[in-house]
N, C-alpha and C. Protein backbone atom coordinates (compact mmCIF):
# COMPACT_ATOMS: atom_id res chain seq x y z
N UNK A 1 30.42 141.54 53.42
CA UNK A 1 30.77 143.37 54.67
C UNK A 1 30.24 143.84 54.72
N UNK A 2 28.44 143.26 53.95
CA UNK A 2 27.40 143.48 54.63
C UNK A 2 26.59 143.30 56.00
N UNK A 3 27.26 141.41 55.54
CA UNK A 3 26.10 141.50 56.69
C UNK A 3 27.46 141.96 58.41
N UNK A 4 28.31 141.98 58.44
CA UNK A 4 29.43 142.08 59.33
C UNK A 4 28.96 143.28 60.41
N UNK A 5 28.39 144.62 58.94
CA UNK A 5 28.53 145.80 58.57
C UNK A 5 27.03 145.86 60.35
N UNK A 6 25.63 145.51 59.18
CA UNK A 6 24.39 144.72 59.24
C UNK A 6 24.60 144.24 61.67
N UNK A 7 25.17 143.21 61.08
CA UNK A 7 25.52 142.70 62.81
C UNK A 7 25.71 143.69 64.32
N UNK A 8 27.14 144.04 63.58
CA UNK A 8 27.39 145.11 64.76
C UNK A 8 26.65 146.08 64.78
N UNK A 9 26.12 147.14 63.73
CA UNK A 9 24.78 148.54 63.99
C UNK A 9 24.06 147.76 65.14
N UNK A 10 24.12 146.87 64.12
CA UNK A 10 22.89 146.08 65.45
C UNK A 10 22.79 146.35 66.70
N UNK A 11 23.67 145.82 67.55
CA UNK A 11 24.21 145.07 68.68
C UNK A 11 24.86 146.40 69.19
N UNK A 12 24.68 147.32 68.66
CA UNK A 12 25.68 149.23 68.78
C UNK A 12 23.83 149.83 68.81
N UNK A 13 23.83 150.18 68.86
CA UNK A 13 21.58 150.69 68.65
C UNK A 13 21.30 149.39 70.54
N UNK A 14 21.35 148.23 69.81
CA UNK A 14 20.67 147.84 72.14
C UNK A 14 21.15 147.93 72.99
N UNK A 15 22.53 147.98 72.77
CA UNK A 15 23.18 147.92 73.78
C UNK A 15 23.60 149.75 73.73
N UNK A 16 22.87 150.89 73.00
CA UNK A 16 22.84 152.16 73.54
C UNK A 16 22.21 152.76 73.59
N UNK A 17 21.11 151.92 73.39
CA UNK A 17 19.15 152.48 73.51
C UNK A 17 18.30 150.39 74.70
N UNK A 18 19.04 150.25 75.39
CA UNK A 18 18.47 149.09 75.98
C UNK A 18 17.16 148.99 76.25
N UNK A 19 16.73 150.15 76.97
CA UNK A 19 15.47 150.25 76.63
C UNK A 19 14.67 150.24 75.94
N UNK A 20 14.43 150.55 74.82
CA UNK A 20 14.49 150.83 73.91
C UNK A 20 13.68 149.61 72.62
N UNK A 21 12.77 149.64 72.84
CA UNK A 21 11.83 148.27 71.96
C UNK A 21 11.63 148.11 70.58
N UNK A 22 12.17 147.29 69.29
CA UNK A 22 12.06 147.10 68.83
C UNK A 22 11.39 146.26 67.88
N UNK A 23 11.01 147.14 66.45
CA UNK A 23 10.85 145.72 65.59
C UNK A 23 10.80 145.64 64.59
N UNK A 24 11.48 144.08 64.07
CA UNK A 24 11.42 143.71 63.13
C UNK A 24 10.78 144.23 61.36
N UNK A 25 11.41 144.25 60.57
CA UNK A 25 9.94 144.92 59.12
C UNK A 25 9.77 143.08 58.80
N UNK A 26 9.78 142.00 58.88
CA UNK A 26 9.30 140.97 58.34
C UNK A 26 7.06 141.55 59.85
N UNK A 27 7.19 141.87 60.62
CA UNK A 27 6.78 141.77 61.76
C UNK A 27 6.28 142.86 61.22
N UNK A 28 6.68 143.67 61.07
CA UNK A 28 5.70 145.48 60.94
C UNK A 28 5.17 145.16 59.59
N UNK A 29 5.84 144.36 59.07
CA UNK A 29 4.89 144.26 57.85
C UNK A 29 2.85 143.69 57.63
N UNK A 30 3.63 142.75 58.29
CA UNK A 30 1.83 141.09 58.70
C UNK A 30 1.64 142.40 60.17
N UNK A 31 1.74 142.85 60.34
CA UNK A 31 0.44 144.05 61.36
C UNK A 31 0.54 145.31 61.15
N UNK A 32 0.84 146.59 59.97
CA UNK A 32 0.69 146.89 58.87
C UNK A 32 -0.49 146.46 58.24
N UNK A 33 -0.31 145.29 57.91
CA UNK A 33 -1.97 144.69 57.05
C UNK A 33 -2.49 143.55 57.71
N UNK A 34 -2.26 143.61 58.63
CA UNK A 34 -4.21 143.66 58.87
C UNK A 34 -4.53 144.88 59.99
N UNK A 35 -3.52 145.95 59.85
CA UNK A 35 -4.06 147.00 61.18
C UNK A 35 -5.18 148.10 60.44
N UNK A 36 -6.40 148.63 60.23
CA UNK A 36 -6.93 149.73 60.11
C UNK A 36 -6.25 151.09 59.62
N UNK A 37 -6.05 152.00 58.83
CA UNK A 37 -5.15 153.04 57.80
C UNK A 37 -5.50 154.11 59.65
N UNK A 38 -4.20 154.36 59.86
CA UNK A 38 -4.28 155.55 61.52
C UNK A 38 -4.41 155.07 62.76
N UNK A 39 -3.80 153.38 62.56
CA UNK A 39 -4.06 152.39 63.36
C UNK A 39 -2.76 152.98 65.54
N UNK A 40 -1.76 153.22 63.61
CA UNK A 40 -0.84 153.71 64.25
C UNK A 40 0.11 154.59 63.59
N UNK A 41 0.55 155.17 64.49
CA UNK A 41 1.11 157.07 64.13
C UNK A 41 3.17 156.44 63.73
N UNK A 42 3.32 156.83 63.07
CA UNK A 42 4.70 156.27 61.97
C UNK A 42 5.63 157.91 61.74
N UNK A 43 6.50 157.55 62.68
CA UNK A 43 6.72 159.76 62.62
C UNK A 43 8.89 158.81 61.46
N UNK A 44 9.03 159.90 60.90
CA UNK A 44 10.41 159.30 60.40
C UNK A 44 10.71 160.20 60.95
N UNK A 45 12.13 160.70 61.08
CA UNK A 45 13.24 160.93 61.75
C UNK A 45 14.26 160.58 61.01
N UNK A 46 14.16 160.80 59.48
CA UNK A 46 15.15 161.07 58.76
C UNK A 46 15.00 163.04 58.31
N UNK A 47 16.29 163.04 57.59
CA UNK A 47 15.97 165.08 56.79
C UNK A 47 14.81 165.29 56.34
N UNK A 48 14.77 166.07 55.43
CA UNK A 48 13.74 166.64 54.73
C UNK A 48 14.57 165.62 53.77
N UNK A 49 15.29 165.43 52.53
CA UNK A 49 15.74 165.51 52.00
C UNK A 49 15.89 163.49 52.55
N UNK A 50 16.03 163.26 52.96
CA UNK A 50 16.13 161.61 53.27
C UNK A 50 14.56 161.71 52.95
N UNK A 51 13.25 162.46 53.16
CA UNK A 51 11.78 161.93 53.49
C UNK A 51 11.09 162.29 52.22
N UNK A 52 11.88 163.09 51.62
CA UNK A 52 11.39 163.11 50.24
C UNK A 52 11.65 162.26 49.42
N UNK A 53 12.68 161.71 49.14
CA UNK A 53 12.89 159.77 48.29
C UNK A 53 12.11 159.03 47.93
N UNK A 54 11.53 159.28 49.59
CA UNK A 54 10.34 157.97 50.85
C UNK A 54 10.11 157.60 51.74
N UNK A 55 9.45 157.33 51.89
CA UNK A 55 8.95 157.11 53.63
C UNK A 55 7.91 155.95 52.86
N UNK A 56 7.55 155.20 54.57
CA UNK A 56 6.86 154.12 54.51
C UNK A 56 4.99 155.09 54.60
N UNK A 57 4.27 154.15 54.07
CA UNK A 57 3.27 155.45 53.52
C UNK A 57 2.28 155.60 54.68
N UNK A 58 1.47 156.44 55.10
CA UNK A 58 1.47 156.65 56.32
C UNK A 58 2.34 157.72 57.35
N UNK A 59 3.00 157.78 56.37
CA UNK A 59 4.46 158.40 57.66
C UNK A 59 4.90 160.60 58.16
N UNK A 60 4.81 160.40 59.31
CA UNK A 60 4.98 161.69 59.21
C UNK A 60 6.90 162.72 59.77
N UNK A 61 7.22 163.92 58.84
CA UNK A 61 8.69 163.50 58.88
C UNK A 61 7.90 164.14 60.17
N UNK A 62 9.49 163.62 60.98
CA UNK A 62 8.93 164.93 62.07
C UNK A 62 11.15 165.72 62.13
N UNK A 63 12.01 166.25 60.74
CA UNK A 63 13.22 166.34 60.52
C UNK A 63 13.93 164.98 60.94
N UNK A 64 15.05 165.46 61.87
CA UNK A 64 16.60 164.88 61.84
C UNK A 64 15.69 164.48 62.90
N UNK A 65 15.11 164.60 64.08
CA UNK A 65 14.21 163.33 64.85
C UNK A 65 15.51 164.44 66.22
N UNK A 66 15.96 165.57 66.18
CA UNK A 66 16.65 166.50 66.69
C UNK A 66 15.72 166.92 68.01
N UNK A 67 14.89 167.34 67.61
CA UNK A 67 13.17 168.03 68.16
C UNK A 67 12.21 166.91 67.73
N UNK A 68 11.65 167.01 69.43
CA UNK A 68 10.06 165.85 69.34
C UNK A 68 9.39 167.15 69.47
N UNK A 69 8.04 167.19 67.89
CA UNK A 69 7.77 168.25 67.72
C UNK A 69 6.80 167.51 68.63
N UNK A 70 6.16 168.41 69.98
CA UNK A 70 5.03 168.06 70.72
C UNK A 70 3.23 168.57 69.80
N UNK A 71 2.98 168.81 68.79
CA UNK A 71 2.10 169.50 67.66
C UNK A 71 1.67 169.11 67.07
N UNK A 72 0.90 169.29 65.80
CA UNK A 72 0.55 168.26 65.40
C UNK A 72 0.45 166.57 65.68
N UNK A 73 0.83 165.99 65.04
CA UNK A 73 -0.04 164.09 64.99
C UNK A 73 0.31 163.90 66.54
N UNK A 74 2.40 164.32 67.17
CA UNK A 74 2.16 164.27 68.26
C UNK A 74 2.27 164.62 69.61
N UNK A 75 0.94 165.82 69.18
CA UNK A 75 0.62 166.80 70.27
C UNK A 75 -0.75 165.20 70.50
N UNK A 76 -1.61 165.49 69.41
CA UNK A 76 -3.28 165.24 69.62
C UNK A 76 -2.88 163.45 69.61
N UNK A 77 -1.51 162.54 69.83
CA UNK A 77 -1.46 161.27 70.31
C UNK A 77 -1.70 160.48 71.64
N UNK A 78 -2.56 159.80 71.69
CA UNK A 78 -2.19 159.47 73.31
C UNK A 78 -1.26 158.10 73.38
N UNK A 79 -1.43 158.36 74.32
CA UNK A 79 0.48 157.98 75.08
C UNK A 79 0.20 156.41 74.94
N UNK A 80 -1.08 156.04 74.69
CA UNK A 80 -0.64 154.51 74.31
C UNK A 80 -1.48 153.68 73.08
N UNK A 81 -1.04 155.10 72.23
CA UNK A 81 -1.68 154.95 70.92
C UNK A 81 0.29 153.99 70.21
N UNK A 82 -0.35 152.82 69.34
CA UNK A 82 1.57 152.72 68.77
C UNK A 82 1.99 153.56 68.34
N UNK A 83 3.59 153.69 68.34
CA UNK A 83 3.91 154.92 67.03
C UNK A 83 4.77 153.43 66.98
N UNK A 84 5.54 153.88 65.63
CA UNK A 84 6.32 153.55 65.02
C UNK A 84 7.45 155.04 65.44
N UNK A 85 9.07 154.25 65.63
CA UNK A 85 9.52 155.58 64.75
C UNK A 85 11.20 154.91 63.66
N UNK A 86 10.68 155.39 62.74
CA UNK A 86 11.57 155.21 61.58
C UNK A 86 13.53 155.54 60.65
N UNK A 87 14.13 155.33 60.10
CA UNK A 87 14.93 156.51 59.99
C UNK A 87 15.82 155.38 59.33
N UNK A 88 16.95 156.12 58.46
CA UNK A 88 17.94 154.12 57.40
C UNK A 88 17.94 153.45 58.31
N UNK A 89 18.93 153.72 59.29
CA UNK A 89 19.46 152.34 59.53
C UNK A 89 18.95 151.74 61.06
N UNK A 90 18.37 152.80 61.95
CA UNK A 90 17.48 153.06 63.66
C UNK A 90 17.96 152.84 64.33
N UNK A 91 18.70 154.01 64.19
CA UNK A 91 20.25 155.27 65.28
C UNK A 91 19.45 156.00 65.81
N UNK A 92 18.77 156.96 64.36
CA UNK A 92 17.96 158.13 65.18
C UNK A 92 17.64 158.66 65.36
N UNK A 93 16.36 156.86 65.15
CA UNK A 93 14.92 156.68 65.13
C UNK A 93 15.20 156.09 66.71
N UNK A 94 16.60 154.53 67.36
CA UNK A 94 16.27 154.36 68.35
C UNK A 94 16.04 156.22 70.03
N UNK A 95 16.89 156.83 69.17
CA UNK A 95 17.02 158.01 69.88
C UNK A 95 15.48 159.28 70.32
N UNK A 96 14.75 158.64 69.09
CA UNK A 96 13.70 159.68 69.10
C UNK A 96 12.50 158.30 70.53
N UNK A 97 12.57 157.20 69.63
CA UNK A 97 11.46 156.43 70.77
C UNK A 97 12.23 157.03 72.30
N UNK A 98 13.56 156.75 72.66
CA UNK A 98 13.48 156.02 73.61
C UNK A 98 13.22 157.62 75.04
N UNK A 99 13.39 159.10 73.72
CA UNK A 99 12.96 160.25 74.37
C UNK A 99 11.04 160.22 74.76
N UNK A 100 10.44 159.76 73.25
CA UNK A 100 8.96 159.32 73.36
C UNK A 100 9.00 158.35 74.67
N UNK A 101 9.18 157.46 75.60
CA UNK A 101 9.22 156.87 76.84
C UNK A 101 9.40 157.50 77.55
N UNK A 102 10.38 159.03 77.80
CA UNK A 102 10.66 159.99 78.65
C UNK A 102 9.81 160.31 78.95
N UNK A 103 8.64 160.40 78.12
CA UNK A 103 7.19 161.08 78.27
C UNK A 103 6.27 160.76 77.83
N UNK A 104 6.53 159.15 77.88
CA UNK A 104 5.23 158.55 79.02
C UNK A 104 4.84 157.88 77.62
N UNK A 105 5.28 158.14 76.17
CA UNK A 105 4.34 157.09 75.22
C UNK A 105 4.41 155.93 75.49
N UNK A 106 4.34 154.89 75.49
CA UNK A 106 4.82 153.78 76.18
C UNK A 106 4.73 152.71 75.22
N UNK A 107 3.81 153.23 73.89
CA UNK A 107 4.26 152.19 73.10
C UNK A 107 4.50 152.71 71.37
N UNK A 108 5.31 153.27 72.45
CA UNK A 108 6.66 153.93 70.68
C UNK A 108 7.44 152.20 70.90
N UNK A 109 7.83 152.65 69.48
CA UNK A 109 8.92 151.20 69.00
C UNK A 109 9.90 151.63 67.74
N UNK A 110 10.99 151.14 67.79
CA UNK A 110 11.85 151.33 66.70
C UNK A 110 11.86 150.52 65.35
N UNK A 111 12.20 150.48 64.31
CA UNK A 111 11.74 149.90 62.65
C UNK A 111 13.12 148.72 62.88
N UNK A 112 13.44 148.33 63.53
CA UNK A 112 14.57 148.06 63.66
C UNK A 112 15.83 147.92 61.83
N UNK A 113 16.47 148.22 61.66
CA UNK A 113 17.56 148.12 60.05
C UNK A 113 16.92 149.48 59.35
N UNK A 114 16.13 150.25 59.14
CA UNK A 114 15.12 151.46 59.40
C UNK A 114 15.06 150.44 58.32
N UNK A 115 15.23 152.12 57.59
CA UNK A 115 14.19 151.82 56.14
C UNK A 115 14.94 151.07 55.38
N UNK A 116 16.01 150.87 55.65
CA UNK A 116 17.77 150.12 54.72
C UNK A 116 16.85 148.36 55.17
N UNK A 117 16.64 148.82 55.69
CA UNK A 117 16.33 146.85 56.09
C UNK A 117 15.24 146.65 55.76
N UNK A 118 13.98 146.90 55.69
CA UNK A 118 13.02 147.43 55.04
C UNK A 118 12.73 147.34 53.22
N UNK A 119 13.76 148.40 52.93
CA UNK A 119 14.02 147.81 51.45
C UNK A 119 14.51 146.44 50.83
N UNK A 120 15.37 146.27 52.08
CA UNK A 120 16.25 144.74 51.39
C UNK A 120 15.56 144.08 51.82
N UNK A 121 14.33 144.02 52.57
CA UNK A 121 14.06 143.02 52.57
C UNK A 121 12.68 142.65 51.83
N UNK A 122 13.08 143.86 50.32
CA UNK A 122 11.13 144.15 49.39
C UNK A 122 10.77 144.50 50.10
N UNK A 123 10.69 145.23 51.08
CA UNK A 123 8.98 146.32 51.07
C UNK A 123 9.55 147.14 50.45
N UNK A 124 8.32 148.14 50.04
CA UNK A 124 7.84 148.80 49.53
C UNK A 124 8.09 150.37 50.43
N UNK A 125 7.58 150.84 50.00
CA UNK A 125 8.10 152.67 49.99
C UNK A 125 7.19 153.47 49.57
N UNK A 126 7.08 155.01 50.10
CA UNK A 126 5.72 155.38 48.68
C UNK A 126 6.75 156.45 48.54
N UNK A 127 6.43 157.48 47.25
CA UNK A 127 6.57 158.54 46.82
C UNK A 127 5.80 158.90 46.26
N UNK A 128 5.33 160.06 46.58
CA UNK A 128 4.13 161.14 46.16
C UNK A 128 2.78 160.32 46.18
N UNK A 129 2.81 159.43 46.83
CA UNK A 129 1.87 158.59 46.76
C UNK A 129 1.39 157.27 45.94
N UNK A 130 2.94 156.79 45.25
CA UNK A 130 3.02 155.79 44.79
C UNK A 130 3.72 154.33 45.12
N UNK A 131 3.47 153.78 44.98
CA UNK A 131 5.17 152.88 45.19
C UNK A 131 5.93 152.92 44.68
N UNK A 132 7.05 152.66 45.93
CA UNK A 132 8.83 152.80 44.73
C UNK A 132 9.61 151.74 46.27
N UNK A 133 10.75 151.66 45.86
CA UNK A 133 12.06 150.21 46.61
C UNK A 133 12.72 151.83 46.59
N UNK A 134 12.78 153.10 45.39
CA UNK A 134 14.17 153.94 46.82
C UNK A 134 14.44 154.34 47.71
N UNK A 135 15.88 154.42 47.73
CA UNK A 135 15.62 154.98 49.07
C UNK A 135 16.40 155.88 49.41
N UNK A 136 16.85 156.51 50.07
CA UNK A 136 17.83 158.15 50.18
C UNK A 136 19.30 157.47 51.26
N UNK A 137 20.27 157.21 50.63
CA UNK A 137 21.60 156.61 51.08
C UNK A 137 22.40 157.14 52.35
N UNK A 138 21.80 158.90 52.81
CA UNK A 138 22.19 159.04 53.54
C UNK A 138 23.67 159.58 53.40
N UNK A 139 24.38 158.84 53.05
CA UNK A 139 25.35 159.02 52.54
C UNK A 139 26.31 157.61 52.40
N UNK A 140 27.45 158.11 51.32
CA UNK A 140 27.96 156.89 50.71
C UNK A 140 28.16 155.16 52.77
N UNK A 141 28.89 155.97 53.07
CA UNK A 141 29.35 154.65 54.28
C UNK A 141 27.98 154.14 54.00
N UNK A 142 26.98 154.42 55.02
CA UNK A 142 25.66 153.66 55.10
C UNK A 142 25.07 153.61 53.64
N UNK A 143 24.63 154.05 53.07
CA UNK A 143 25.19 153.07 51.49
C UNK A 143 25.29 152.05 51.01
N UNK A 144 26.79 151.41 52.11
CA UNK A 144 27.11 150.63 52.01
C UNK A 144 25.74 149.14 52.88
N UNK A 145 25.41 150.14 53.37
CA UNK A 145 24.08 148.69 53.60
C UNK A 145 22.73 148.51 52.82
N UNK A 146 23.20 148.75 51.74
CA UNK A 146 21.61 148.84 51.23
C UNK A 146 21.94 148.18 50.54
N UNK A 147 21.08 146.85 49.76
CA UNK A 147 21.67 145.80 48.62
C UNK A 147 21.70 146.82 47.49
N UNK A 148 22.88 146.09 46.72
CA UNK A 148 23.32 146.33 45.54
C UNK A 148 22.67 147.50 44.13
N UNK A 149 20.82 147.01 44.12
CA UNK A 149 20.06 147.24 43.28
C UNK A 149 18.97 148.44 44.11
N UNK A 150 18.89 149.19 44.77
CA UNK A 150 18.77 149.87 45.74
C UNK A 150 18.83 151.26 45.31
């Protein structure tokens, strides 16, 4: 059932946000491993409660992604700097990438499958600077997309 849900969710995101580029977790892991710290601006479009459980290393919370703060890290970002936006499954982050594109940020990408797929593939997140595989399930329905051991 999980595979079925993922398939349809990803199809819906691709249709709804057809101009939004995405990057798969395995590809992102390779890129981040080769980059210098700070090459990418990582924005997390989840709620504060979700972000407080875990996040990608170096991620900056932008709340629920409804309002994109043009101050702070994003306000100082070059429109040519690579920006990764993530959320739980990729819906909220796709909407944020879409808005960033409208504001001229040409190198903004969505994390396909979000942090759920990231941890489902065995990649780690951080909590208070320590590695973890825990991720906030958002709610019971969306939590079905996480592998049972998460």
